[in-house]
Amino acid sequence: MINEQKINEILSSNIPVDKTRVREILAQALELHGLSALDVAALMPVGDAELLHEIYATAKKVKEEIYGKRLVLFAPLYISNMCHNECLYCAFRASNKALRRRSLTQEEIAQETQILIAEGHKRLLLVAGEAYVRDGLRYVLDAIATIYGVKTGTGAIRRINVNLAPLCLEDFSLLKNAAIGTYQLFQETYHRETYKAMHVGGKKADYDWRITAIDRAMMAGIDDVGIGVLFGLADWRFEVLALLQHAEYLMQKFGVGPHTISVPRLEPATGSIIAENPPHAVSDQDFCKMVAILRLAVPYTGIIMSTRETANLRRETLALGVSQISAGSRTNPGGYSSAIDNASQFSLGDHRSLSEVVYDVAAKGYIPSFCTACYRLGRTGDDFMHLAKTGCIKHMCEPNALISFQEYLCDYAPEPTREIGEALIASELEKLPFLARNLVEKYINLIRQGKRDLFV
């Protein structure tokens, strides 16, 4: 699955920056077919400001060709920080006595969900430490049912994505039947030697069990999967090339690549010296370049930017190909209803509320999207990939973004956000084709009259 020798050969070749070659690669990227490993390697060493600007501009264009201006918003919901693993960079690791351990009851999970719904969220990422207490996986399945069952006024969580420990095939089937959206799992680092050094105990120490989890998920029928790397553990260039190998492997074996790729950087975590001093820290410039390269290399995928990064850097990456962001996040169980913060997995860089993020996103001309239509209409897996690869998915994404944004404006937005949001919707409606504009205007008017949960 991951050919380290091939990656090392590419990296050791020290391909010089050739402006003509770089521009040829960028022209090729605009065809939306992705890039080869050699193409990616040719972009990695670029440091010239003019060429970087061209890479960034191309990434922005590719993202908008695929997804339009919509930007999906979600929040993580941590239900437990219990863990049996020994990951040296993580506050959740089993031996960390500085961490306050907590596993939420179903009543507490419902309370957290109510708070997130009241803020306007429609989709959540359920996260748990890799030690399920009480009834094992049943605890997680019950949590999913609890979240879906919470209704607050006209609000509800319409889609739950999950970031959970690797499961066996049978358990993945149970997870599939719980009506999840995307199953997300990060390899953390694809560099096997680094992986061994960083994961010194627990089931997670088994590199192969973890990297094959996505296979088992897809074999169980979960056809939307998300992969990612914790950047800072190993050379970012190696990790990007390994990510591409993993994506290509999935495409060849299952006919479906990753629905999302996440790009978290290692951030300070309670009780972890390594988290304070990343072995291979990634500079802001390299990080931005990396995000843009991933957009060009895997154009169909959703790129997720978390609140690990500062508000300013997150703003910058919106123009580099990012298509999904978390907002108003807490990384500790019970974090939305409690100020206690010594139970968090890592430090946050962006502490803004959902409404503040929505205002900022809209002010920059992006359409905040709370859409969950694809999951509910069966536009997943191969169906989604076909629409994304041909650039057709934006014809669903932008209309649904506008419709779901209107619902947010009516139910949750403070006045300044409502004003800027209504102006943005009016402007974007004018850009839609005639038939699409008429349909979206009809749905928006129905939303204003009290209808909810409309989509195309």
Foldseek 3Di string as FASTA:
>chain_A
DFDLVVLVVLLVVCDDADPVLLVVLLVVLLLLPFDDLNNLSNLQVDDDPVSLVSLLQSLLNLLCLQANQAFEEEEEAEQWLAEDWQQQLWCSYHPNPLFDTDGHDLVLLLVLLVLVQQQPAQEYEYEYYADDPDPPCVRVLSSLVSQQPHDDPPTGHDAYEYEYAQDALVVLLVVVVSLHAEYEYELQAPPLVLLCVRTPDDPNNPSVSRLCSVVSNVVSPRQAYEYEYAPLSDAVSSRLNRLLVSQVVCCVPPVFGHQEYEYHYQAHHPPHPCSVPRPRHDDLSSSLSSLLSSCSRNVLHAYEDEQQAAPVSVVVSSSRNHRYYYFQYFQAHSVSPDVDRSNGTHDGRYNHHPLVVLQVSLVVLRQYASDPPCSVVVCGHNNSSVCSSVSNCNLFNVLRSLLSSLLCLQNNHDDSSVVSSVVSSVVVLVVDPPVSSVVSVVSSVVSVVPDDDDGD
